[in-house]
Protein backbone atom coordinates (compact mmCIF):
# COMPACT_ATOMS: atom_id res chain seq x y z
CA UNK A 1 103.36 101.11 101.58
CA UNK A 2 103.37 101.42 97.79
CA UNK A 3 106.22 103.98 98.01
CA UNK A 4 108.60 101.22 99.18
CA UNK A 5 108.12 99.10 96.07
CA UNK A 6 111.34 98.49 94.13
CA UNK A 7 110.66 98.17 90.41
CA UNK A 8 112.42 96.44 87.55
CA UNK A 9 113.22 99.15 85.00
CA UNK A 10 113.13 97.95 81.39
CA UNK A 11 114.91 99.98 78.74
CA UNK A 12 114.02 98.39 75.43
CA UNK A 13 112.51 101.36 73.62
CA UNK A 14 114.24 104.43 72.27
CA UNK A 15 111.11 106.56 72.34
CA UNK A 16 108.04 107.17 74.52
CA UNK A 17 105.92 104.23 75.65
CA UNK A 18 102.42 104.26 74.14
CA UNK A 19 100.71 101.08 75.44
CA UNK A 20 101.16 98.10 77.76
CA UNK A 21 99.28 94.80 77.65
CA UNK A 22 99.51 91.61 79.72
CA UNK A 23 98.59 88.21 78.38
CA UNK A 24 95.80 86.47 80.30
CA UNK A 25 98.16 84.65 82.69
CA UNK A 26 100.21 87.77 83.39
CA UNK A 27 103.58 86.12 82.77
CA UNK A 28 104.16 88.10 79.57
CA UNK A 29 103.99 91.85 78.97
CA UNK A 30 103.76 93.50 75.55
CA UNK A 31 104.94 97.10 75.24
CA UNK A 32 104.65 99.53 72.35
CA UNK A 33 106.27 102.89 71.77
CA UNK A 34 106.71 105.64 69.21
CA UNK A 35 109.47 103.48 67.74
CA UNK A 36 108.64 101.21 64.80
CA UNK A 37 108.85 97.92 66.72
CA UNK A 38 107.34 96.58 69.92
CA UNK A 39 108.57 94.14 72.53
CA UNK A 40 107.54 91.25 74.77
CA UNK A 41 108.95 90.75 78.27
CA UNK A 42 108.88 88.10 80.97
CA UNK A 43 107.22 89.80 83.91
CA UNK A 44 108.88 87.67 86.59
CA UNK A 45 112.36 89.04 85.98
CA UNK A 46 112.08 91.64 83.20
CA UNK A 47 113.81 89.48 80.60
CA UNK A 48 113.25 90.71 77.06
CA UNK A 49 112.01 87.75 75.05
CA UNK A 50 111.72 89.30 71.63
CA UNK A 51 110.81 92.14 69.31
CA UNK A 52 108.12 92.36 66.64
CA UNK A 53 109.57 94.17 63.63
CA UNK A 54 107.72 95.37 60.55
CA UNK A 55 105.79 98.55 61.23
CA UNK A 56 107.07 101.73 59.58
CA UNK A 57 105.48 104.18 61.99
CA UNK A 58 104.97 104.69 65.70
CA UNK A 59 103.12 101.73 67.26
CA UNK A 60 100.15 103.06 69.21
CA UNK A 61 98.31 99.96 70.38
CA UNK A 62 98.65 96.23 71.04
CA UNK A 63 96.48 93.35 72.23
CA UNK A 64 96.96 89.61 72.67
CA UNK A 65 94.39 86.82 72.49
CA UNK A 66 93.44 84.64 75.44
CA UNK A 67 95.67 81.74 74.35
CA UNK A 68 98.70 84.00 73.75
CA UNK A 69 98.72 82.64 70.21
CA UNK A 70 98.15 85.86 68.27
CA UNK A 71 99.14 89.48 68.85
CA UNK A 72 97.56 92.40 67.06
CA UNK A 73 99.10 95.85 66.77
CA UNK A 74 98.10 99.21 65.32
CA UNK A 75 100.49 101.91 64.13
CA UNK A 76 100.98 105.26 62.47
CA UNK A 77 101.84 103.49 59.19
CA UNK A 78 98.06 103.11 58.70
CA UNK A 79 98.09 99.35 59.31
CA UNK A 80 96.88 96.88 61.88
CA UNK A 81 98.97 93.71 61.86
CA UNK A 82 98.52 90.19 63.20
CA UNK A 83 101.59 88.38 64.55
CA UNK A 84 102.48 84.92 65.74
CA UNK A 85 103.01 85.57 69.44
CA UNK A 86 105.73 82.96 69.81
CA UNK A 87 107.81 83.49 66.66
CA UNK A 88 107.16 87.19 65.99
CA UNK A 89 106.25 86.43 62.38
CA UNK A 90 103.78 88.78 60.71
CA UNK A 91 100.74 86.79 59.59
CA UNK A 92 98.37 89.37 58.12
CA UNK A 93 97.86 93.12 57.82
CA UNK A 94 94.82 95.34 57.44
CA UNK A 95 95.41 98.59 55.56
CA UNK A 96 93.61 101.77 56.61
CA UNK A 97 93.66 105.33 55.33
CA UNK A 98 94.93 106.97 58.55
CA UNK A 99 96.96 105.90 61.62
CA UNK A 100 95.57 103.25 63.97
CA UNK A 101 95.14 104.51 67.55
CA UNK A 102 93.53 101.47 69.21
CA UNK A 103 93.10 97.72 68.69
CA UNK A 104 91.33 95.09 70.82
CA UNK A 105 90.20 91.49 70.53
CA UNK A 106 86.60 90.80 71.44
CA UNK A 107 85.94 88.40 74.29
CA UNK A 108 86.30 84.94 72.75
CA UNK A 109 88.70 86.26 70.07
CA UNK A 110 86.19 85.82 67.23
CA UNK A 111 86.39 89.49 66.28
CA UNK A 112 88.62 92.48 66.86
CA UNK A 113 88.31 96.23 66.42
CA UNK A 114 90.55 99.00 65.18
CA UNK A 115 90.27 102.78 65.56
CA UNK A 116 91.57 105.19 62.93
CA UNK A 117 92.81 108.68 63.70
CA UNK A 118 91.07 111.92 62.76
CA UNK A 119 93.73 113.45 60.50
CA UNK A 120 94.04 114.68 56.90
CA UNK A 121 90.37 115.72 56.90
CA UNK A 122 89.37 112.15 57.74
CA UNK A 123 87.00 111.40 60.61
CA UNK A 124 87.80 108.94 63.38
CA UNK A 125 86.25 105.56 62.67
CA UNK A 126 85.90 102.26 64.54
CA UNK A 127 86.18 99.14 62.36
CA UNK A 128 85.21 95.60 63.35
CA UNK A 129 86.83 92.60 61.64
CA UNK A 130 86.22 88.88 61.85
CA UNK A 131 88.96 86.55 63.02
CA UNK A 132 89.18 83.16 61.29
CA UNK A 133 89.88 79.70 62.69
CA UNK A 134 92.48 79.34 59.95
CA UNK A 135 94.55 82.49 59.36
CA UNK A 136 94.61 81.66 55.65
CA UNK A 137 90.92 82.56 55.63
CA UNK A 138 91.40 86.05 57.06
CA UNK A 139 89.84 88.88 55.08
CA UNK A 140 90.85 92.52 54.78
CA UNK A 141 87.19 93.51 54.65
CA UNK A 142 85.57 94.88 57.79
CA UNK A 143 82.13 93.68 58.89
CA UNK A 144 81.14 96.92 60.62
CA UNK A 145 82.32 100.53 60.53
CA UNK A 146 81.30 103.18 63.05
CA UNK A 147 82.28 106.65 61.82
CA UNK A 148 82.31 109.66 64.10
CA UNK A 149 80.33 112.72 63.22
CA UNK A 150 82.07 115.76 61.81
CA UNK A 151 83.58 117.88 64.57
CA UNK A 152 83.64 115.14 67.21
CA UNK A 153 87.44 114.87 66.99
CA UNK A 154 89.69 111.94 67.78
CA UNK A 155 88.88 108.61 69.41
CA UNK A 156 91.82 107.65 71.61
CA UNK A 157 90.59 104.17 72.48
CA UNK A 158 87.73 101.79 71.75
CA UNK A 159 86.96 98.78 73.91
CA UNK A 160 84.38 95.98 73.93
CA UNK A 161 81.64 96.15 76.53
CA UNK A 162 80.22 93.23 78.53
CA UNK A 163 79.53 90.13 76.40
CA UNK A 164 80.67 92.05 73.29
CA UNK A 165 77.26 93.69 73.08
CA UNK A 166 78.60 97.23 73.04
CA UNK A 167 81.71 99.18 72.07
CA UNK A 168 82.84 102.08 74.25
CA UNK A 169 84.89 104.91 72.76
CA UNK A 170 87.14 107.31 74.70
CA UNK A 171 86.83 110.60 72.89
CA UNK A 172 88.73 113.85 72.51
CA UNK A 173 85.64 115.92 73.31
CA UNK A 174 85.53 114.51 76.87
CA UNK A 175 82.78 111.98 76.22
CA UNK A 176 82.53 108.21 76.34
CA UNK A 177 80.30 107.11 73.50
CA UNK A 178 78.59 103.71 73.67
CA UNK A 179 77.71 101.95 70.42
CA UNK A 180 75.71 98.83 69.64
CA UNK A 181 78.33 96.29 68.54
CA UNK A 182 75.96 94.68 66.01
CA UNK A 183 74.73 97.68 64.04
CA UNK A 184 77.00 100.53 65.15
CA UNK A 185 74.17 102.71 66.43
CA UNK A 186 74.97 105.21 69.18
CA UNK A 187 72.98 104.11 72.21
CA UNK A 188 74.42 106.23 75.03
CA UNK A 189 76.82 109.09 75.68
CA UNK A 190 78.56 109.76 78.99
CA UNK A 191 79.78 113.38 79.10
CA UNK A 192 81.25 114.17 82.50
CA UNK A 193 84.85 115.04 81.60
CA UNK A 194 85.73 118.56 80.46
CA UNK A 195 88.79 117.46 78.46
CA UNK A 196 89.99 114.45 76.44
CA UNK A 197 89.19 110.99 77.82
CA UNK A 198 92.56 109.26 77.58
CA UNK A 199 91.79 105.70 78.68
CA UNK A 200 89.04 103.29 79.71
CA UNK A 201 89.91 100.43 82.10
CA UNK A 202 87.69 97.52 83.18
CA UNK A 203 87.42 95.42 86.30
CA UNK A 204 87.84 91.66 85.59
CA UNK A 205 84.10 90.99 85.25
CA UNK A 206 83.44 94.10 83.13
CA UNK A 207 80.75 95.29 85.50
CA UNK A 208 82.67 98.50 86.24
CA UNK A 209 84.82 100.75 84.11
CA UNK A 210 87.19 103.58 84.97
CA UNK A 211 87.88 106.60 82.77
CA UNK A 212 90.90 108.90 82.94
CA UNK A 213 91.09 112.36 81.45
CA UNK A 214 93.29 115.35 80.73
CA UNK A 215 91.01 117.29 83.08
CA UNK A 216 92.75 115.63 86.06
CA UNK A 217 89.79 113.47 87.08
CA UNK A 218 89.05 109.76 86.87
CA UNK A 219 85.49 108.45 87.12
CA UNK A 220 84.29 104.97 88.04
CA UNK A 221 81.04 103.86 86.36
CA UNK A 222 78.50 101.07 86.54
CA UNK A 223 78.82 99.29 83.18
CA UNK A 224 75.09 98.51 82.97
CA UNK A 225 73.54 101.83 83.96
CA UNK A 226 76.51 104.16 83.17
CA UNK A 227 75.94 105.78 86.55
CA UNK A 228 79.00 107.53 87.93
CA UNK A 229 79.88 105.85 91.22
CA UNK A 230 83.17 107.45 92.25
CA UNK A 231 85.44 110.34 91.29
CA UNK A 232 89.18 110.67 91.87
CA UNK A 233 90.83 114.08 91.54
CA UNK A 234 94.59 114.19 90.95
CA UNK A 235 94.97 117.83 89.97
CA UNK A 236 97.06 116.91 86.90
CA UNK A 237 96.39 115.43 83.47
CA UNK A 238 95.82 111.65 83.65
CA UNK A 239 96.99 109.44 80.78
CA UNK A 240 96.50 105.96 82.23
CA UNK A 241 94.38 104.15 84.80
CA UNK A 242 93.74 100.63 86.05
CA UNK A 243 91.44 98.88 88.54
CA UNK A 244 92.86 96.41 91.04
CA UNK A 245 91.37 92.91 90.60
CA UNK A 246 91.83 92.08 94.30
CA UNK A 247 91.51 95.34 96.24
CA UNK A 248 89.10 98.30 96.29
CA UNK A 249 91.75 100.56 94.78
CA UNK A 250 92.75 102.13 91.48
CA UNK A 251 96.01 103.50 90.12
CA UNK A 252 96.30 106.69 88.09
CA UNK A 253 99.26 108.14 86.22
CA UNK A 254 100.02 111.07 83.96
CA UNK A 255 101.52 114.49 84.43
CA UNK A 256 102.07 117.54 82.30
CA UNK A 257 104.97 117.45 79.87
CA UNK A 258 107.56 120.23 79.92
CA UNK A 259 106.76 121.44 76.40
CA UNK A 260 103.12 122.02 77.34
CA UNK A 261 104.04 124.23 80.31
CA UNK A 262 105.05 127.83 79.63
CA UNK A 263 104.65 129.62 82.95
CA UNK A 264 105.37 127.05 85.63
CA UNK A 265 108.18 124.69 86.50
CA UNK A 266 107.48 121.01 85.93
CA UNK A 267 107.59 119.18 89.26
CA UNK A 268 108.73 115.56 88.95
CA UNK A 269 106.37 114.57 91.76
CA UNK A 270 103.47 114.91 89.33
CA UNK A 271 104.86 111.91 87.43
CA UNK A 272 104.20 109.56 90.36
CA UNK A 273 101.75 106.70 90.00
CA UNK A 274 99.05 107.35 92.58
CA UNK A 275 96.95 104.80 94.48
CA UNK A 276 93.38 105.71 95.41
CA UNK A 277 90.94 103.98 97.73
CA UNK A 278 87.72 103.29 95.85
CA UNK A 279 85.51 103.43 98.95
CA UNK A 280 86.69 106.78 100.30
CA UNK A 281 87.99 108.26 97.01
CA UNK A 282 91.19 109.25 98.83
CA UNK A 283 94.83 108.98 97.82
CA UNK A 284 96.56 106.10 99.64
CA UNK A 285 100.11 106.46 98.41
CA UNK A 286 102.31 107.06 95.40
CA UNK A 287 105.22 105.46 93.55
CA UNK A 288 107.87 107.62 91.91
CA UNK A 289 110.33 106.63 89.22
CA UNK A 290 109.50 108.04 85.80
CA UNK A 291 111.23 111.21 84.59
CA UNK A 292 108.31 112.36 82.46
CA UNK A 293 104.57 111.81 82.14
CA UNK A 294 103.24 108.30 82.69
CA UNK A 295 101.49 107.19 79.49
CA UNK A 296 100.26 103.67 80.35
CA UNK A 297 99.34 101.70 83.47
CA UNK A 298 98.14 98.17 84.09
CA UNK A 299 97.64 95.98 87.15
CA UNK A 300 98.86 92.40 86.89
CA UNK A 301 95.88 90.11 86.16
CA UNK A 302 96.31 88.59 89.64
CA UNK A 303 96.67 92.02 91.29
CA UNK A 304 100.09 91.20 92.75
CA UNK A 305 101.79 94.16 91.08
CA UNK A 306 101.51 96.70 88.29
CA UNK A 307 103.44 98.04 85.31
CA UNK A 308 103.90 101.59 84.09
CA UNK A 309 105.26 103.07 80.88
CA UNK A 310 106.41 106.63 80.48
CA UNK A 311 107.38 109.40 78.16
CA UNK A 312 110.97 108.65 79.24
CA UNK A 313 110.88 105.38 77.27
CA UNK A 314 111.08 103.15 80.34
CA UNK A 315 108.75 100.33 81.31
CA UNK A 316 108.75 99.71 85.05
CA UNK A 317 107.54 96.41 86.53
CA UNK A 318 106.44 96.71 90.15
CA UNK A 319 105.94 93.54 92.19
CA UNK A 320 104.19 94.23 95.49
CA UNK A 321 106.15 93.04 98.51
CA UNK A 322 104.87 91.31 101.64
CA UNK A 323 104.32 94.65 103.39
CA UNK A 324 101.70 95.61 100.81
CA UNK A 325 99.70 92.41 101.38
CA UNK A 326 99.96 92.51 105.16
CA UNK A 327 99.08 96.16 105.39
CA UNK A 328 96.02 95.79 103.18
CA UNK A 329 95.13 92.32 104.52
CA UNK A 330 95.41 90.55 101.17
CA UNK A 331 96.33 86.88 100.82
CA UNK A 332 99.77 86.59 99.20
CA UNK A 333 99.51 82.87 98.36
């Protein structure tokens, strides 16, 4: 059962974890936090390989290209920065007017996007930039900007849709807005959450996506029709979600922080990572460990484990044992 999994606890951040990202092979994990640096780890044993130093604000987002050559990060210092993945050297930076909440390479790594925060009377905006074959040819000019409308609030994440034809935005008003990636036009809005959409996760083929929300629900959608296929109810705010690449299951994590609760006692059981069966929409098990809300979740690319990052500053690497594969009839290799 998932509850028997023994994790590797990584303590390399002094403040809350904000994002986790595997490279394509899954042997490296990048973690960001509200500290000014972010780290890279070897997932096999939890060895810390290095730190990327340079930001002067909380680092909110990170992504890595398919060759694990370049890493891009976004932070509260109003910059997105490109790094040499191997050496940790900063290669380029893109200045913005407000903090960066999300970054992501397009499929093929020819473009990437950034998302700016809605603060200081500024509206949340998605920017698209071109990558260059030679980093000396990089430009600070964006090729597309997609501003929100007044009153629409923050965008917590933006992510490329199938074949880079669309961009999906997870929004504070409970909606997922779908934009044309060529001209920035709004082409569809999914509004089935009553509170902030905190994360959007894809299956490996980007035919399905999963949304998590502060309303305690996660919804699974068809990426072509935007039809809601499944709903998972946790009864607590959800900050992170991920879809298994090998099993019909999803993981959800979150919890309500102590400072946001005034009348009830915070129960540590709400900080468990929960497993749900996609077919029956039922909870299958849970993994405890974090001492505060879970902020980020990600299955290994091969589905043989998952990682979680919490408000407690810990990153926990969970490798599934043989019991997991035998119980769920999955080939372990």
